[in-house]
Amino acid sequence: MTPLEYDLLIVGSGPAGATVARYAAEAGLSVLLVDKKQELGAPIQCSGAVSRHALEEVNLPLDEEYILEPIYGFAIYNQVGEATKIDYRKLKEDEYGPEPGKKPLGYVVDRRRFDRYCMTQAERAGVDTWLKTEAKGYAPLPDGRCVVQLKRYNEEIAVTCKVLVGADGLMSQVGKWAGLQTHIKITELAGCLQFIVDNVETEGLLEIITGHEWAPGGYAWVFPKGHGYAEIGLGVIPTMTKQSAQWHLDKFIKQSFFKDRFANSRILEVQGGGVPLAAPLRTQYADNMILVGDAARHVNPITGGGIHTALNGGKIAARFLIDHLAKGGNSFTAADMKGYQDAWLEALGDKMWKLYRKKTAVFHHEDIPTRDAYLYETMSDYFDPNSEYKKI
């Protein structure tokens, strides 16, 4: 049997892994992309909001295949319903809007279709993809490459590659193999739950509701879902409440200042999971290995948003690896891979760390009204058109 050899082996076919794969294949590298799932994008743990420029920056076509609803701005509420509205249809009416010649600020996407679309683009670029394939471990080899142990349909397969890319999500197993500290403290992991509902009107804005009363340690949201549907959800930090996310979501729907708006809603689907509101990993590389996306905690620590940071981080990783392999060397030590993290910090990471410090300062306030006021101010500033964090 001919030994299987690739330039890159990527574990995890979400937006980060698929973006690395696509860019690398387009540059002529041989790439194997594996995922233990048999259905892409499942389970859904994400609201699906992503900015237009995030898609354009990684050359993803704006396709009806995965786009559910255009978004034109934000509405940020405090705990009693006072709002800061940032509607680009009014701020820049010549540029943003549904009319011909105008554009949206972003979109809500169908995560299953979006992940499938990203993977399809990678395959069309020449990437080999294996689903239902579990990565079991890796080890550097004397010649500078590494060997990765895979299990595919109960068959044990060894694949040799130059660099292993861990895009395997929260608390990355790939990172753990290299001794990286990928665990997340429970104080920084939000328990999230959202209902897909009918009979709730939306107006093309992402609505963010702050306040300990509704979502201790996090926030609630109401997002357009397309086709007349909406997402109503929230995230809470378990150490800041004795109640479950479902208890808080039920309370928000029945008792908040939106209760009349939600009165006739019908729950069509329930989605949930853990979302990190944590700092990026301090070390995101090792011998023959780098981490991207959720695996490296490339998640906005204020909003929990991760699609745009996964796409952008995937592009940064791909460009680094393309340049490194183009030099023709056979060294892929941790010292060589450090250049990836340096490039990521310069482009995104330094601001992400700054956001994390902002979030930490907000929740260090023990007085709840003070904390609520700071969170509302921080979220309003974050979504401001002049915010320095537009790409985070």
Protein backbone atom coordinates (compact mmCIF):
# COMPACT_ATOMS: atom_id res chain seq x y z
CA MET A 1 0.00 0.00 0.00
CA THR A 2 1.36 3.42 -0.95
CA PRO A 3 2.01 5.51 2.17
CA LEU A 4 -0.37 8.45 2.52
CA GLU A 5 1.55 11.72 2.52
CA TYR A 6 0.30 15.34 2.54
CA ASP A 7 1.73 18.76 3.13
CA LEU A 8 -1.07 19.56 5.60
CA LEU A 9 -3.49 17.42 7.56
CA ILE A 10 -6.34 19.44 9.08
CA VAL A 11 -8.51 18.05 11.86
CA GLY A 12 -11.92 19.74 11.90
CA SER A 13 -13.92 20.90 8.89
CA GLY A 14 -15.63 23.98 10.36
CA PRO A 15 -15.07 27.49 8.95
CA ALA A 16 -11.49 27.75 10.28
CA GLY A 17 -10.31 24.34 9.06
CA ALA A 18 -12.05 24.62 5.71
CA THR A 19 -10.57 28.09 5.11
CA VAL A 20 -7.03 26.91 5.83
CA ALA A 21 -7.62 23.95 3.53
CA ARG A 22 -9.03 25.98 0.64
CA TYR A 23 -6.28 28.62 0.63
CA ALA A 24 -3.53 26.01 0.98
CA ALA A 25 -4.90 23.88 -1.89
CA GLU A 26 -5.30 26.92 -4.11
CA ALA A 27 -1.59 27.59 -3.52
CA GLY A 28 -0.70 24.09 -4.70
CA LEU A 29 -0.25 22.31 -1.35
CA SER A 30 -1.57 18.80 -0.82
CA VAL A 31 -4.21 18.84 1.92
CA LEU A 32 -6.24 16.24 3.78
CA LEU A 33 -9.20 17.56 5.78
CA VAL A 34 -10.77 15.13 8.28
CA ASP A 35 -13.72 15.37 10.65
CA LYS A 36 -15.19 12.83 13.04
CA LYS A 37 -18.73 14.04 12.29
CA GLN A 38 -20.93 12.62 9.59
CA GLU A 39 -23.03 15.79 9.36
CA LEU A 40 -21.36 19.16 8.92
CA GLY A 41 -22.41 22.06 11.16
CA ALA A 42 -24.15 19.87 13.73
CA PRO A 43 -24.96 20.23 16.52
CA ILE A 44 -25.73 23.93 16.05
CA GLN A 45 -24.31 26.00 18.91
CA CYS A 46 -24.18 29.32 17.09
CA SER A 47 -26.58 32.12 16.19
CA GLY A 48 -25.03 32.29 12.72
CA ALA A 49 -24.37 36.04 12.52
CA VAL A 50 -21.43 37.12 10.37
CA SER A 51 -20.41 40.40 8.78
CA ARG A 52 -20.32 40.84 5.02
CA HIS A 53 -16.70 41.99 5.02
CA ALA A 54 -15.67 38.83 6.91
CA LEU A 55 -16.99 36.73 4.02
CA GLU A 56 -15.51 39.00 1.36
CA GLU A 57 -12.08 39.07 3.06
CA VAL A 58 -11.74 35.31 2.62
CA ASN A 59 -13.20 35.30 -0.91
CA LEU A 60 -16.35 33.37 -0.02
CA PRO A 61 -19.11 34.09 -2.54
CA LEU A 62 -22.27 35.60 -1.05
CA ASP A 63 -24.56 32.71 -1.90
CA GLU A 64 -28.24 32.06 -1.24
CA GLU A 65 -27.21 28.48 -0.52
CA TYR A 66 -26.30 29.45 3.07
CA ILE A 67 -27.60 33.02 3.62
CA LEU A 68 -30.87 33.22 5.55
CA GLU A 69 -31.34 36.93 6.23
CA PRO A 70 -29.50 40.22 5.63
CA ILE A 71 -28.59 42.35 8.65
CA TYR A 72 -28.37 46.14 8.66
CA GLY A 73 -27.26 47.01 12.18
CA PHE A 74 -27.69 46.50 15.90
CA ALA A 75 -29.96 47.36 18.79
CA ILE A 76 -28.41 47.10 22.25
CA TYR A 77 -30.76 47.16 25.25
CA ASN A 78 -30.13 47.54 28.96
CA GLN A 79 -32.04 45.51 31.52
CA VAL A 80 -35.09 47.81 31.50
CA GLY A 81 -35.36 48.18 27.73
CA GLU A 82 -33.54 51.45 27.04
CA ALA A 83 -31.82 51.05 23.69
CA THR A 84 -28.90 52.21 21.60
CA LYS A 85 -29.77 51.59 17.94
CA ILE A 86 -27.15 51.53 15.22
CA ASP A 87 -28.99 51.15 11.92
CA TYR A 88 -26.76 51.58 8.87
CA ARG A 89 -29.83 52.07 6.69
CA LYS A 90 -30.13 55.42 8.45
CA LEU A 91 -26.46 56.14 9.20
CA LYS A 92 -25.30 55.54 5.62
CA GLU A 93 -28.53 55.35 3.65
CA ASP A 94 -26.81 55.75 0.28
CA GLU A 95 -24.72 52.63 0.91
CA TYR A 96 -26.76 50.24 3.08
CA GLY A 97 -30.26 48.89 2.47
CA PRO A 98 -32.29 46.26 0.63
CA GLU A 99 -32.68 48.35 -2.50
CA PRO A 100 -30.78 47.59 -5.74
CA GLY A 101 -27.25 49.01 -5.61
CA LYS A 102 -27.13 48.93 -1.81
CA LYS A 103 -25.79 46.24 0.51
CA PRO A 104 -26.30 44.73 3.96
CA LEU A 105 -23.89 45.01 6.87
CA GLY A 106 -23.93 41.27 7.38
CA TYR A 107 -26.02 38.13 7.39
CA VAL A 108 -27.52 35.42 9.50
CA VAL A 109 -26.43 32.14 7.92
CA ASP A 110 -27.63 28.56 8.17
CA ARG A 111 -24.71 26.92 9.95
CA ARG A 112 -25.27 23.48 8.47
CA ARG A 113 -25.37 24.85 4.94
CA PHE A 114 -22.59 27.33 5.61
CA ASP A 115 -20.18 24.69 6.89
CA ARG A 116 -21.07 22.44 3.95
CA TYR A 117 -20.51 25.34 1.54
CA CYS A 118 -17.07 26.11 3.03
CA MET A 119 -16.09 22.46 2.75
CA THR A 120 -17.36 22.27 -0.83
CA GLN A 121 -15.22 25.26 -1.77
CA ALA A 122 -12.21 23.51 -0.23
CA GLU A 123 -12.93 20.29 -2.13
CA ARG A 124 -13.25 22.18 -5.41
CA ALA A 125 -9.83 23.69 -4.72
CA GLY A 126 -8.37 20.18 -4.57
CA VAL A 127 -8.63 19.23 -0.88
CA ASP A 128 -9.19 15.57 0.02
CA THR A 129 -11.93 15.33 2.65
CA TRP A 130 -12.77 12.42 4.96
CA LEU A 131 -15.82 12.49 7.21
CA LYS A 132 -16.44 9.99 10.03
CA THR A 133 -12.68 10.00 10.57
CA GLU A 134 -11.27 10.41 14.05
CA ALA A 135 -7.74 11.64 14.71
CA LYS A 136 -6.17 9.58 17.49
CA GLY A 137 -2.73 11.15 17.94
CA TYR A 138 0.40 12.45 16.27
CA ALA A 139 4.17 12.26 16.68
CA PRO A 140 7.08 14.16 15.07
CA LEU A 141 9.41 12.11 12.88
CA PRO A 142 13.21 12.34 12.60
CA ASP A 143 12.99 13.72 9.04
CA GLY A 144 11.07 16.82 10.21
CA ARG A 145 7.61 15.61 9.28
CA CYS A 146 5.03 14.02 11.60
CA VAL A 147 2.75 11.00 11.51
CA VAL A 148 -0.93 11.27 12.41
CA GLN A 149 -2.95 8.24 13.49
CA LEU A 150 -6.50 8.20 12.11
CA LYS A 151 -9.45 5.85 12.48
CA ARG A 152 -11.78 5.82 9.48
CA TYR A 153 -14.73 3.44 9.36
CA ASN A 154 -12.99 1.26 11.98
CA GLU A 155 -9.79 1.14 9.91
CA GLU A 156 -6.57 2.39 11.50
CA ILE A 157 -4.66 4.62 9.05
CA ALA A 158 -1.33 6.40 9.49
CA VAL A 159 -0.85 9.59 7.46
CA THR A 160 2.41 11.51 7.17
CA CYS A 161 2.35 15.29 6.85
CA LYS A 162 4.54 18.32 7.38
CA VAL A 163 2.09 20.27 9.55
CA LEU A 164 -0.95 19.16 11.51
CA VAL A 165 -3.62 21.87 11.86
CA GLY A 166 -5.93 21.53 14.84
CA ALA A 167 -9.33 23.01 14.00
CA ASP A 168 -11.18 20.58 16.24
CA GLY A 169 -13.09 23.04 18.40
CA LEU A 170 -13.20 23.85 22.09
CA MET A 171 -10.72 22.14 24.40
CA SER A 172 -8.85 20.85 21.37
CA GLN A 173 -7.63 17.26 21.57
CA VAL A 174 -4.99 18.04 18.94
CA GLY A 175 -3.59 20.73 21.23
CA LYS A 176 -3.64 18.37 24.22
CA TRP A 177 -1.51 15.86 22.31
CA ALA A 178 1.21 18.51 22.16
CA GLY A 179 0.84 19.41 25.84
CA LEU A 180 -0.95 22.71 25.26
CA GLN A 181 -3.35 23.93 27.94
CA THR A 182 -6.59 23.89 25.98
CA HIS A 183 -9.05 23.49 28.87
CA ILE A 184 -11.50 26.31 29.68
CA LYS A 185 -12.44 27.40 33.18
CA ILE A 186 -16.14 27.04 33.94
CA THR A 187 -16.18 30.72 34.86
CA GLU A 188 -15.46 31.54 31.20
CA LEU A 189 -17.71 29.04 29.44
CA ALA A 190 -21.22 30.34 28.78
CA GLY A 191 -24.09 27.89 28.70
CA CYS A 192 -26.13 28.97 25.67
CA LEU A 193 -29.62 28.07 24.56
CA GLN A 194 -31.72 29.45 21.73
CA PHE A 195 -35.16 28.76 20.32
CA ILE A 196 -36.01 29.07 16.65
CA VAL A 197 -39.49 30.58 16.73
CA ASP A 198 -42.32 31.69 14.50
CA ASN A 199 -44.61 34.73 14.95
CA VAL A 200 -41.94 37.15 16.25
CA GLU A 201 -41.37 40.25 14.15
CA THR A 202 -37.85 41.47 13.45
CA GLU A 203 -36.53 44.52 11.64
CA GLY A 204 -33.20 43.55 10.11
CA LEU A 205 -31.18 44.24 13.28
CA LEU A 206 -29.22 42.04 15.66
CA GLU A 207 -30.83 42.78 19.02
CA ILE A 208 -28.62 42.38 22.12
CA ILE A 209 -30.17 42.51 25.60
CA THR A 210 -27.83 43.03 28.55
CA GLY A 211 -28.46 42.83 32.29
CA HIS A 212 -27.98 40.33 35.11
CA GLU A 213 -31.78 40.10 35.44
CA TRP A 214 -32.00 38.26 32.11
CA ALA A 215 -28.60 36.66 31.47
CA PRO A 216 -26.09 36.54 34.37
CA GLY A 217 -22.58 36.76 32.97
CA GLY A 218 -23.74 37.02 29.36
CA TYR A 219 -26.57 38.53 27.34
CA ALA A 220 -29.78 37.63 25.54
CA TRP A 221 -30.47 38.09 21.83
CA VAL A 222 -33.18 38.27 19.22
CA PHE A 223 -31.91 37.71 15.66
CA PRO A 224 -33.81 37.50 12.35
CA LYS A 225 -33.66 33.97 10.97
CA GLY A 226 -35.26 34.46 7.57
CA HIS A 227 -38.55 33.18 6.17
CA GLY A 228 -40.43 34.87 9.01
CA TYR A 229 -38.54 33.05 11.76
CA ALA A 230 -36.42 34.46 14.58
CA GLU A 231 -33.82 33.25 17.08
CA ILE A 232 -34.42 34.02 20.75
CA GLY A 233 -31.52 32.98 22.93
CA LEU A 234 -29.14 33.78 25.74
CA GLY A 235 -25.90 32.73 27.35
CA VAL A 236 -25.20 32.57 31.08
CA ILE A 237 -22.11 31.81 33.15
CA PRO A 238 -22.97 28.85 35.43
CA THR A 239 -21.02 30.22 38.39
CA MET A 240 -23.09 33.43 38.33
CA THR A 241 -26.52 31.80 38.64
CA LYS A 242 -28.14 28.85 40.38
CA GLN A 243 -30.56 28.40 37.47
CA SER A 244 -30.15 26.77 34.06
CA ALA A 245 -29.99 28.59 30.74
CA GLN A 246 -33.45 27.22 29.95
CA TRP A 247 -34.87 28.72 33.16
CA HIS A 248 -33.41 32.11 32.25
CA LEU A 249 -34.63 31.89 28.66
CA ASP A 250 -38.16 31.03 29.80
CA LYS A 251 -38.06 33.99 32.19
CA PHE A 252 -36.79 36.32 29.46
CA ILE A 253 -39.55 35.28 27.06
CA LYS A 254 -42.35 35.51 29.64
CA GLN A 255 -41.26 38.46 31.81
CA SER A 256 -38.95 40.80 29.91
CA PHE A 257 -39.94 44.05 28.20
CA PHE A 258 -40.27 41.91 25.03
CA LYS A 259 -42.97 39.66 26.52
CA ASP A 260 -45.82 41.16 24.47
CA ARG A 261 -43.74 40.77 21.31
CA PHE A 262 -43.12 37.11 22.17
CA ALA A 263 -46.69 36.35 23.30
CA ASN A 264 -47.70 34.45 20.16
CA SER A 265 -44.34 32.82 19.44
CA ARG A 266 -44.14 29.12 18.63
CA ILE A 267 -40.96 27.16 19.30
CA LEU A 268 -39.90 25.21 16.22
CA GLU A 269 -36.38 24.13 17.16
CA VAL A 270 -34.09 24.13 20.21
CA GLN A 271 -30.33 24.60 19.90
CA GLY A 272 -27.63 24.96 22.53
CA GLY A 273 -24.13 24.32 23.76
CA GLY A 274 -21.10 25.90 25.37
CA VAL A 275 -19.54 29.13 24.06
CA PRO A 276 -16.21 30.42 25.41
CA LEU A 277 -15.93 33.98 26.68
CA ALA A 278 -12.26 33.41 27.40
CA ALA A 279 -8.86 34.71 26.45
CA PRO A 280 -7.11 33.25 23.39
CA LEU A 281 -4.67 30.44 24.08
CA ARG A 282 -1.31 31.87 25.07
CA THR A 283 0.47 29.22 23.00
CA GLN A 284 -1.20 28.06 19.78
CA TYR A 285 1.61 26.04 18.21
CA ALA A 286 3.98 23.14 18.84
CA ASP A 287 6.32 20.94 16.80
CA ASN A 288 4.63 20.26 13.43
CA MET A 289 1.34 21.73 14.70
CA ILE A 290 -0.78 24.88 14.92
CA LEU A 291 -4.30 25.53 16.26
CA VAL A 292 -6.96 27.67 14.60
CA GLY A 293 -10.53 28.78 15.28
CA ASP A 294 -12.26 27.62 18.45
CA ALA A 295 -9.37 25.22 19.08
CA ALA A 296 -7.13 28.25 19.69
CA ARG A 297 -10.00 30.14 21.38
CA HIS A 298 -10.26 32.60 18.50
CA VAL A 299 -13.66 33.68 19.82
CA ASN A 300 -14.72 37.21 20.66
CA PRO A 301 -14.64 37.31 24.50
CA ILE A 302 -17.31 40.03 24.64
CA THR A 303 -19.90 38.68 22.17
CA GLY A 304 -18.95 35.01 21.87
CA GLY A 305 -18.95 35.45 18.09
CA GLY A 306 -16.60 33.12 16.29
CA ILE A 307 -17.43 32.73 12.59
CA HIS A 308 -15.62 35.87 11.44
CA THR A 309 -12.58 35.24 13.65
CA ALA A 310 -12.44 31.63 12.46
CA LEU A 311 -12.49 32.68 8.80
CA ASN A 312 -9.90 35.41 9.26
CA GLY A 313 -7.70 33.27 11.49
CA GLY A 314 -7.88 30.45 8.95
CA LYS A 315 -6.68 32.78 6.22
CA ILE A 316 -3.80 34.01 8.40
CA ALA A 317 -2.78 30.43 9.18
CA ALA A 318 -2.93 29.39 5.53
CA ARG A 319 -0.82 32.31 4.38
CA PHE A 320 1.80 31.58 7.01
CA LEU A 321 1.97 27.89 6.09
CA ILE A 322 2.04 28.61 2.36
CA ASP A 323 4.96 31.02 2.83
CA HIS A 324 6.79 28.65 5.17
CA LEU A 325 6.50 25.66 2.86
CA ALA A 326 7.41 27.77 -0.15
CA LYS A 327 10.85 28.30 1.40
CA GLY A 328 11.52 24.61 0.82
CA GLY A 329 12.88 23.85 4.24
CA ASN A 330 12.26 20.68 6.24
CA SER A 331 12.02 22.27 9.66
CA PHE A 332 8.61 22.49 11.32
CA THR A 333 9.60 22.85 14.95
CA ALA A 334 7.67 24.92 17.48
CA ALA A 335 10.16 27.74 16.88
CA ASP A 336 9.25 27.65 13.17
CA MET A 337 5.51 27.55 13.88
CA LYS A 338 5.66 30.51 16.27
CA GLY A 339 5.55 32.84 13.26
CA TYR A 340 1.91 31.88 12.76
CA GLN A 341 0.91 33.10 16.21
CA ASP A 342 2.96 36.28 15.77
CA ALA A 343 1.09 37.05 12.53
CA TRP A 344 -2.26 36.32 14.17
CA LEU A 345 -1.50 38.53 17.16
CA GLU A 346 -0.58 41.44 14.91
CA ALA A 347 -3.71 41.10 12.77
CA LEU A 348 -6.33 40.11 15.37
CA GLY A 349 -4.98 38.75 18.60
CA ASP A 350 -3.72 41.88 20.33
CA LYS A 351 -7.16 43.48 20.05
CA MET A 352 -8.81 40.25 21.16
CA TRP A 353 -6.68 40.29 24.29
CA LYS A 354 -7.69 43.91 24.85
CA LEU A 355 -11.36 42.94 24.57
CA TYR A 356 -10.81 40.14 27.08
CA ARG A 357 -9.37 42.60 29.58
CA LYS A 358 -12.40 44.85 29.03
CA LYS A 359 -14.76 41.95 29.68
CA THR A 360 -12.86 40.95 32.80
CA ALA A 361 -13.03 44.51 34.14
CA VAL A 362 -16.81 44.61 33.59
CA PHE A 363 -17.51 41.40 35.51
CA HIS A 364 -15.12 42.21 38.34
CA HIS A 365 -17.70 44.72 39.58
CA GLU A 366 -19.53 42.98 42.42
CA ASP A 367 -22.33 45.54 42.52
CA ILE A 368 -24.89 44.29 39.97
CA PRO A 369 -26.32 47.69 38.89
CA THR A 370 -22.77 48.98 38.32
CA ARG A 371 -21.86 45.87 36.37
CA ASP A 372 -25.02 46.10 34.28
CA ALA A 373 -24.28 49.74 33.43
CA TYR A 374 -20.70 48.94 32.38
CA LEU A 375 -21.78 45.95 30.27
CA TYR A 376 -24.41 47.99 28.45
CA GLU A 377 -21.89 50.77 27.81
CA THR A 378 -19.22 48.27 26.68
CA MET A 379 -21.55 46.50 24.25
CA SER A 380 -22.85 49.79 22.85
CA ASP A 381 -19.29 51.03 22.33
CA TYR A 382 -18.27 47.73 20.75
CA PHE A 383 -20.95 47.97 18.04
CA ASP A 384 -20.40 51.68 17.46
CA PRO A 385 -19.47 52.49 13.82
CA ASN A 386 -16.20 54.02 15.01
CA SER A 387 -15.21 51.05 17.20
CA GLU A 388 -11.63 49.87 16.90
CA TYR A 389 -12.89 46.27 17.14
CA LYS A 390 -14.82 46.05 13.86
CA LYS A 391 -13.01 42.90 12.73
CA ILE A 392 -12.96 41.10 16.07
